[in-house]
N, C-alpha and C. Protein backbone atom coordinates (compact mmCIF):
# COMPACT_ATOMS: atom_id res chain seq x y z
N GLN A 1 0.85 -1.18 0.00
CA GLN A 1 0.00 0.00 0.00
C GLN A 1 0.89 1.24 0.00
N LEU A 2 0.78 2.02 -1.04
CA LEU A 2 1.61 3.22 -1.17
C LEU A 2 1.13 4.29 -0.19
N GLN A 3 2.07 4.87 0.55
CA GLN A 3 1.74 5.95 1.47
C GLN A 3 2.60 7.16 1.16
N LEU A 4 2.01 8.34 1.30
CA LEU A 4 2.70 9.59 1.01
C LEU A 4 2.65 10.49 2.25
N VAL A 5 3.77 11.13 2.56
CA VAL A 5 3.84 12.02 3.71
C VAL A 5 4.49 13.32 3.30
N GLU A 6 3.74 14.41 3.43
CA GLU A 6 4.28 15.73 3.09
C GLU A 6 4.94 16.37 4.30
N SER A 7 5.91 17.23 4.03
CA SER A 7 6.55 18.01 5.09
C SER A 7 7.11 19.28 4.47
N GLY A 8 7.50 20.23 5.32
CA GLY A 8 8.15 21.43 4.84
C GLY A 8 7.28 22.67 4.83
N GLY A 9 6.02 22.53 5.18
CA GLY A 9 5.16 23.69 5.22
C GLY A 9 5.52 24.63 6.35
N GLY A 10 4.91 25.80 6.34
CA GLY A 10 5.18 26.76 7.40
C GLY A 10 4.68 28.14 7.05
N LEU A 11 5.19 29.11 7.81
CA LEU A 11 4.81 30.50 7.64
C LEU A 11 5.91 31.22 6.86
N VAL A 12 5.52 31.98 5.86
CA VAL A 12 6.52 32.69 5.04
C VAL A 12 5.94 34.03 4.59
N GLN A 13 6.81 35.00 4.39
CA GLN A 13 6.37 36.31 3.92
C GLN A 13 6.21 36.32 2.40
N PRO A 14 5.38 37.20 1.89
CA PRO A 14 5.27 37.33 0.43
C PRO A 14 6.63 37.55 -0.20
N GLY A 15 6.87 36.87 -1.30
CA GLY A 15 8.17 36.95 -1.97
C GLY A 15 9.16 35.90 -1.50
N GLY A 16 8.82 35.21 -0.44
CA GLY A 16 9.71 34.19 0.10
C GLY A 16 9.60 32.86 -0.62
N SER A 17 10.36 31.88 -0.13
CA SER A 17 10.41 30.56 -0.75
C SER A 17 10.21 29.47 0.29
N LEU A 18 9.71 28.35 -0.18
CA LEU A 18 9.60 27.14 0.63
C LEU A 18 9.83 25.95 -0.27
N ARG A 19 10.35 24.90 0.32
CA ARG A 19 10.46 23.64 -0.40
C ARG A 19 9.70 22.57 0.37
N LEU A 20 8.70 22.02 -0.27
CA LEU A 20 7.93 20.94 0.32
C LEU A 20 8.49 19.60 -0.13
N SER A 21 8.37 18.62 0.75
CA SER A 21 8.82 17.27 0.44
C SER A 21 7.65 16.31 0.52
N CYS A 22 7.69 15.33 -0.33
CA CYS A 22 6.70 14.26 -0.32
C CYS A 22 7.46 12.94 -0.28
N GLU A 23 7.48 12.33 0.87
CA GLU A 23 8.17 11.05 1.02
C GLU A 23 7.18 9.93 0.75
N VAL A 24 7.58 9.02 -0.11
CA VAL A 24 6.68 7.96 -0.57
C VAL A 24 7.19 6.62 -0.07
N SER A 25 6.36 5.91 0.61
CA SER A 25 6.73 4.59 1.10
C SER A 25 6.35 3.58 0.03
N VAL A 26 7.35 3.17 -0.72
CA VAL A 26 7.14 2.25 -1.82
C VAL A 26 8.47 1.56 -2.09
N LEU A 27 8.42 0.39 -2.70
CA LEU A 27 9.66 -0.35 -2.96
C LEU A 27 10.60 0.48 -3.84
N THR A 28 10.05 1.05 -4.89
CA THR A 28 10.81 1.94 -5.75
C THR A 28 9.90 3.04 -6.29
N LEU A 29 10.41 4.27 -6.25
CA LEU A 29 9.62 5.40 -6.72
C LEU A 29 9.72 5.56 -8.23
N ASP A 30 10.61 4.82 -8.85
CA ASP A 30 10.94 5.02 -10.26
C ASP A 30 9.72 4.96 -11.19
N TYR A 31 8.70 4.21 -10.82
CA TYR A 31 7.60 3.96 -11.74
C TYR A 31 6.36 4.78 -11.44
N TYR A 32 6.51 5.76 -10.56
CA TYR A 32 5.34 6.52 -10.13
C TYR A 32 5.42 7.98 -10.56
N ALA A 33 4.26 8.49 -10.96
CA ALA A 33 4.09 9.93 -11.12
C ALA A 33 3.56 10.47 -9.79
N ILE A 34 3.97 11.70 -9.47
CA ILE A 34 3.50 12.35 -8.26
C ILE A 34 3.03 13.75 -8.58
N GLY A 35 1.87 14.09 -8.10
CA GLY A 35 1.32 15.41 -8.31
C GLY A 35 1.22 16.19 -7.02
N TRP A 36 1.17 17.51 -7.16
CA TRP A 36 0.97 18.40 -6.01
C TRP A 36 -0.32 19.18 -6.19
N PHE A 37 -1.04 19.29 -5.08
CA PHE A 37 -2.32 19.99 -5.06
C PHE A 37 -2.33 21.01 -3.93
N ARG A 38 -3.21 21.97 -4.04
CA ARG A 38 -3.39 22.96 -2.98
C ARG A 38 -4.89 23.13 -2.72
N GLN A 39 -5.20 23.23 -1.44
CA GLN A 39 -6.58 23.51 -1.07
C GLN A 39 -6.59 24.75 -0.17
N ALA A 40 -7.10 25.83 -0.72
CA ALA A 40 -7.24 27.06 0.04
C ALA A 40 -8.52 26.99 0.87
N PRO A 41 -8.59 27.76 1.93
CA PRO A 41 -9.79 27.73 2.78
C PRO A 41 -11.06 27.98 1.99
N GLY A 42 -12.02 27.06 2.13
CA GLY A 42 -13.30 27.22 1.47
C GLY A 42 -13.30 26.95 -0.02
N GLN A 43 -12.19 26.43 -0.52
CA GLN A 43 -12.11 26.19 -1.97
C GLN A 43 -11.86 24.72 -2.27
N GLU A 44 -12.06 24.38 -3.52
CA GLU A 44 -11.80 23.02 -3.97
C GLU A 44 -10.29 22.75 -4.02
N ARG A 45 -9.95 21.50 -3.94
CA ARG A 45 -8.55 21.10 -4.08
C ARG A 45 -8.14 21.29 -5.54
N GLU A 46 -7.06 22.02 -5.73
CA GLU A 46 -6.63 22.44 -7.06
C GLU A 46 -5.32 21.77 -7.44
N GLY A 47 -5.26 21.19 -8.63
CA GLY A 47 -4.02 20.61 -9.12
C GLY A 47 -3.04 21.70 -9.49
N LEU A 48 -1.78 21.55 -9.08
CA LEU A 48 -0.75 22.55 -9.36
C LEU A 48 0.24 22.06 -10.41
N VAL A 49 0.83 20.91 -10.16
CA VAL A 49 1.89 20.42 -11.03
C VAL A 49 2.06 18.93 -10.79
N CYS A 50 2.59 18.26 -11.78
CA CYS A 50 2.80 16.82 -11.67
C CYS A 50 4.13 16.47 -12.32
N LEU A 51 4.81 15.47 -11.74
CA LEU A 51 6.07 14.98 -12.29
C LEU A 51 5.89 13.51 -12.62
N SER A 52 6.11 13.17 -13.88
CA SER A 52 5.92 11.79 -14.30
C SER A 52 7.10 10.93 -13.87
N SER A 53 6.98 9.64 -14.07
CA SER A 53 8.06 8.71 -13.73
C SER A 53 9.30 8.95 -14.59
N THR A 54 9.11 9.61 -15.72
CA THR A 54 10.24 9.92 -16.61
C THR A 54 10.68 11.37 -16.47
N ASP A 55 10.28 12.02 -15.36
CA ASP A 55 10.69 13.38 -15.04
C ASP A 55 10.12 14.44 -15.97
N ARG A 56 9.00 14.15 -16.54
CA ARG A 56 8.32 15.16 -17.35
C ARG A 56 7.38 15.94 -16.45
N THR A 57 7.50 17.27 -16.50
CA THR A 57 6.68 18.13 -15.66
C THR A 57 5.44 18.61 -16.42
N THR A 58 4.31 18.49 -15.76
CA THR A 58 3.06 19.00 -16.30
C THR A 58 2.50 20.03 -15.32
N PHE A 59 2.33 21.24 -15.77
CA PHE A 59 1.74 22.28 -14.94
C PHE A 59 0.23 22.30 -15.14
N TYR A 60 -0.49 22.26 -14.03
CA TYR A 60 -1.95 22.29 -14.10
C TYR A 60 -2.49 23.70 -13.85
N ALA A 61 -1.75 24.49 -13.09
CA ALA A 61 -2.21 25.83 -12.73
C ALA A 61 -1.27 26.87 -13.33
N ASP A 62 -1.81 27.79 -14.10
CA ASP A 62 -0.99 28.83 -14.73
C ASP A 62 -0.27 29.67 -13.67
N SER A 63 -0.87 29.80 -12.51
CA SER A 63 -0.29 30.65 -11.46
C SER A 63 1.04 30.11 -10.93
N THR A 64 1.32 28.83 -11.20
CA THR A 64 2.55 28.25 -10.68
C THR A 64 3.71 28.32 -11.67
N LYS A 65 3.41 28.54 -12.92
CA LYS A 65 4.46 28.57 -13.94
C LYS A 65 5.43 29.71 -13.67
N GLY A 66 6.72 29.37 -13.71
CA GLY A 66 7.75 30.37 -13.46
C GLY A 66 8.06 30.59 -12.00
N ARG A 67 7.24 30.06 -11.11
CA ARG A 67 7.48 30.21 -9.67
C ARG A 67 7.71 28.87 -8.98
N PHE A 68 7.00 27.85 -9.41
CA PHE A 68 7.08 26.53 -8.78
C PHE A 68 7.84 25.57 -9.70
N SER A 69 8.58 24.68 -9.07
CA SER A 69 9.22 23.61 -9.82
C SER A 69 9.16 22.32 -9.00
N VAL A 70 9.23 21.22 -9.69
CA VAL A 70 9.10 19.93 -9.02
C VAL A 70 10.29 19.06 -9.43
N SER A 71 10.77 18.27 -8.50
CA SER A 71 11.89 17.38 -8.77
C SER A 71 11.75 16.13 -7.92
N ARG A 72 12.58 15.17 -8.19
CA ARG A 72 12.49 13.92 -7.43
C ARG A 72 13.87 13.38 -7.14
N ASP A 73 13.96 12.67 -6.05
CA ASP A 73 15.17 11.92 -5.70
C ASP A 73 14.70 10.49 -5.45
N ASN A 74 14.85 9.65 -6.45
CA ASN A 74 14.33 8.29 -6.33
C ASN A 74 15.04 7.49 -5.25
N ALA A 75 16.31 7.78 -5.03
CA ALA A 75 17.05 7.07 -3.98
C ALA A 75 16.46 7.36 -2.60
N LYS A 76 15.99 8.59 -2.42
CA LYS A 76 15.36 8.97 -1.15
C LYS A 76 13.85 8.76 -1.17
N LYS A 77 13.33 8.34 -2.32
CA LYS A 77 11.89 8.12 -2.48
C LYS A 77 11.12 9.39 -2.11
N THR A 78 11.60 10.49 -2.58
CA THR A 78 11.04 11.79 -2.22
C THR A 78 10.87 12.67 -3.46
N VAL A 79 9.74 13.35 -3.50
CA VAL A 79 9.47 14.34 -4.54
C VAL A 79 9.37 15.70 -3.87
N TYR A 80 9.96 16.70 -4.50
CA TYR A 80 10.03 18.03 -3.92
C TYR A 80 9.21 19.03 -4.75
N LEU A 81 8.63 19.98 -4.03
CA LEU A 81 7.98 21.10 -4.68
C LEU A 81 8.68 22.37 -4.19
N GLN A 82 9.43 22.98 -5.08
CA GLN A 82 10.11 24.23 -4.77
C GLN A 82 9.20 25.38 -5.14
N MET A 83 8.92 26.23 -4.17
CA MET A 83 8.00 27.35 -4.40
C MET A 83 8.74 28.66 -4.14
N ASN A 84 8.84 29.48 -5.16
CA ASN A 84 9.52 30.76 -5.06
C ASN A 84 8.54 31.91 -5.28
N ASN A 85 8.96 33.09 -4.84
CA ASN A 85 8.13 34.30 -5.00
C ASN A 85 6.69 34.03 -4.56
N LEU A 86 6.57 33.52 -3.35
CA LEU A 86 5.24 33.14 -2.85
C LEU A 86 4.35 34.36 -2.67
N LYS A 87 3.07 34.14 -2.91
CA LYS A 87 2.07 35.19 -2.80
C LYS A 87 1.05 34.81 -1.74
N ILE A 88 0.34 35.80 -1.25
CA ILE A 88 -0.66 35.53 -0.21
C ILE A 88 -1.68 34.51 -0.69
N GLU A 89 -2.00 34.55 -1.96
CA GLU A 89 -2.99 33.60 -2.50
C GLU A 89 -2.46 32.18 -2.65
N ASP A 90 -1.19 31.96 -2.35
CA ASP A 90 -0.64 30.61 -2.32
C ASP A 90 -0.93 29.91 -0.99
N THR A 91 -1.52 30.61 -0.06
CA THR A 91 -1.85 30.02 1.24
C THR A 91 -2.83 28.88 1.08
N GLY A 92 -2.57 27.80 1.80
CA GLY A 92 -3.45 26.66 1.77
C GLY A 92 -2.77 25.41 2.27
N VAL A 93 -3.48 24.32 2.23
CA VAL A 93 -2.91 23.02 2.57
C VAL A 93 -2.43 22.38 1.28
N TYR A 94 -1.20 21.94 1.28
CA TYR A 94 -0.58 21.34 0.10
C TYR A 94 -0.52 19.82 0.28
N PHE A 95 -0.97 19.15 -0.76
CA PHE A 95 -1.01 17.69 -0.76
C PHE A 95 -0.18 17.15 -1.92
N CYS A 96 0.46 16.03 -1.69
CA CYS A 96 1.00 15.27 -2.81
C CYS A 96 0.11 14.04 -3.00
N ALA A 97 0.10 13.56 -4.23
CA ALA A 97 -0.79 12.46 -4.57
C ALA A 97 -0.23 11.69 -5.74
N ALA A 98 -0.65 10.44 -5.85
CA ALA A 98 -0.19 9.59 -6.93
C ALA A 98 -1.37 9.11 -7.76
N PRO A 99 -1.25 9.22 -9.07
CA PRO A 99 -2.28 8.63 -9.94
C PRO A 99 -2.02 7.14 -10.09
N ASP A 100 -2.91 6.44 -10.74
CA ASP A 100 -2.71 5.02 -10.96
C ASP A 100 -1.69 4.74 -12.05
N ASP A 101 -1.45 5.71 -12.91
CA ASP A 101 -0.54 5.56 -14.05
C ASP A 101 0.81 6.19 -13.72
N ALA A 102 1.83 5.79 -14.46
CA ALA A 102 3.17 6.36 -14.30
C ALA A 102 3.30 7.72 -14.96
N SER A 103 2.31 8.10 -15.75
CA SER A 103 2.33 9.41 -16.40
C SER A 103 1.34 10.32 -15.70
N CYS A 104 1.49 11.61 -15.94
CA CYS A 104 0.61 12.59 -15.30
C CYS A 104 -0.69 12.71 -16.08
N PRO A 105 -1.80 12.66 -15.39
CA PRO A 105 -3.09 12.76 -16.08
C PRO A 105 -3.26 14.12 -16.73
N VAL A 106 -3.95 14.12 -17.85
CA VAL A 106 -4.31 15.39 -18.49
C VAL A 106 -5.43 16.03 -17.68
N GLY A 107 -5.24 17.29 -17.37
CA GLY A 107 -6.28 18.00 -16.63
C GLY A 107 -5.94 18.19 -15.17
N GLY A 108 -5.44 17.14 -14.52
CA GLY A 108 -5.00 17.26 -13.14
C GLY A 108 -6.09 17.52 -12.13
N THR A 109 -7.23 16.86 -12.27
CA THR A 109 -8.25 17.00 -11.25
C THR A 109 -7.98 16.01 -10.12
N LYS A 110 -8.54 16.28 -8.96
CA LYS A 110 -8.28 15.43 -7.79
C LYS A 110 -8.81 14.02 -8.01
N TYR A 111 -9.79 13.88 -8.88
CA TYR A 111 -10.40 12.57 -9.11
C TYR A 111 -9.48 11.64 -9.88
N GLN A 112 -8.43 12.18 -10.49
CA GLN A 112 -7.51 11.39 -11.27
C GLN A 112 -6.37 10.82 -10.43
N PHE A 113 -6.33 11.20 -9.16
CA PHE A 113 -5.28 10.74 -8.27
C PHE A 113 -5.93 9.92 -7.15
N SER A 114 -5.40 8.73 -6.91
CA SER A 114 -6.08 7.82 -6.00
C SER A 114 -5.41 7.70 -4.63
N ARG A 115 -4.14 8.09 -4.52
CA ARG A 115 -3.44 7.97 -3.26
C ARG A 115 -2.97 9.35 -2.83
N TRP A 116 -3.19 9.68 -1.55
CA TRP A 116 -2.97 11.03 -1.04
C TRP A 116 -2.20 11.03 0.27
N GLY A 117 -1.44 12.10 0.44
CA GLY A 117 -0.84 12.35 1.74
C GLY A 117 -1.82 13.12 2.61
N GLN A 118 -1.38 13.44 3.81
CA GLN A 118 -2.26 14.10 4.78
C GLN A 118 -2.24 15.62 4.64
N GLY A 119 -1.28 16.14 3.90
CA GLY A 119 -1.20 17.57 3.67
C GLY A 119 -0.28 18.30 4.62
N THR A 120 0.23 19.44 4.17
CA THR A 120 1.05 20.31 5.01
C THR A 120 0.62 21.75 4.76
N GLN A 121 0.51 22.51 5.83
CA GLN A 121 -0.02 23.87 5.74
C GLN A 121 1.07 24.85 5.31
N VAL A 122 0.71 25.69 4.35
CA VAL A 122 1.58 26.80 3.93
C VAL A 122 0.79 28.09 4.12
N THR A 123 1.35 29.01 4.86
CA THR A 123 0.70 30.29 5.11
C THR A 123 1.64 31.40 4.67
N VAL A 124 1.16 32.20 3.73
CA VAL A 124 1.94 33.33 3.23
C VAL A 124 1.28 34.60 3.77
N THR A 125 2.02 35.30 4.62
CA THR A 125 1.45 36.47 5.25
C THR A 125 2.54 37.48 5.60
N SER A 126 2.19 38.74 5.56
CA SER A 126 3.14 39.77 5.94
C SER A 126 2.97 40.12 7.42
């Protein structure tokens, strides 16, 4: 049973950076795609970006392009979300998730991902 655990959230000022980690308990991470989602208060869970098993990045949210990047360390079974130039509207709970396929789903809705972490809170405030 694949399990995902996010870490690295916290409080940051606008313009600051954070790096989130998603540690995946699996025999090998090589064959898995991992996506990142954000859920702001009172809003639906929104797909941000996904990294396929072949390291292809798919951006789901235009707001993340140029500011967010995703990478993986298969030896550590960890996927990272680097977030730069954070804005107040980036506040929310961030989740990592795995789809059933090794590639990233087109569209990036929450329904396309079947395994989820518990989330980590990111608060951007001055």
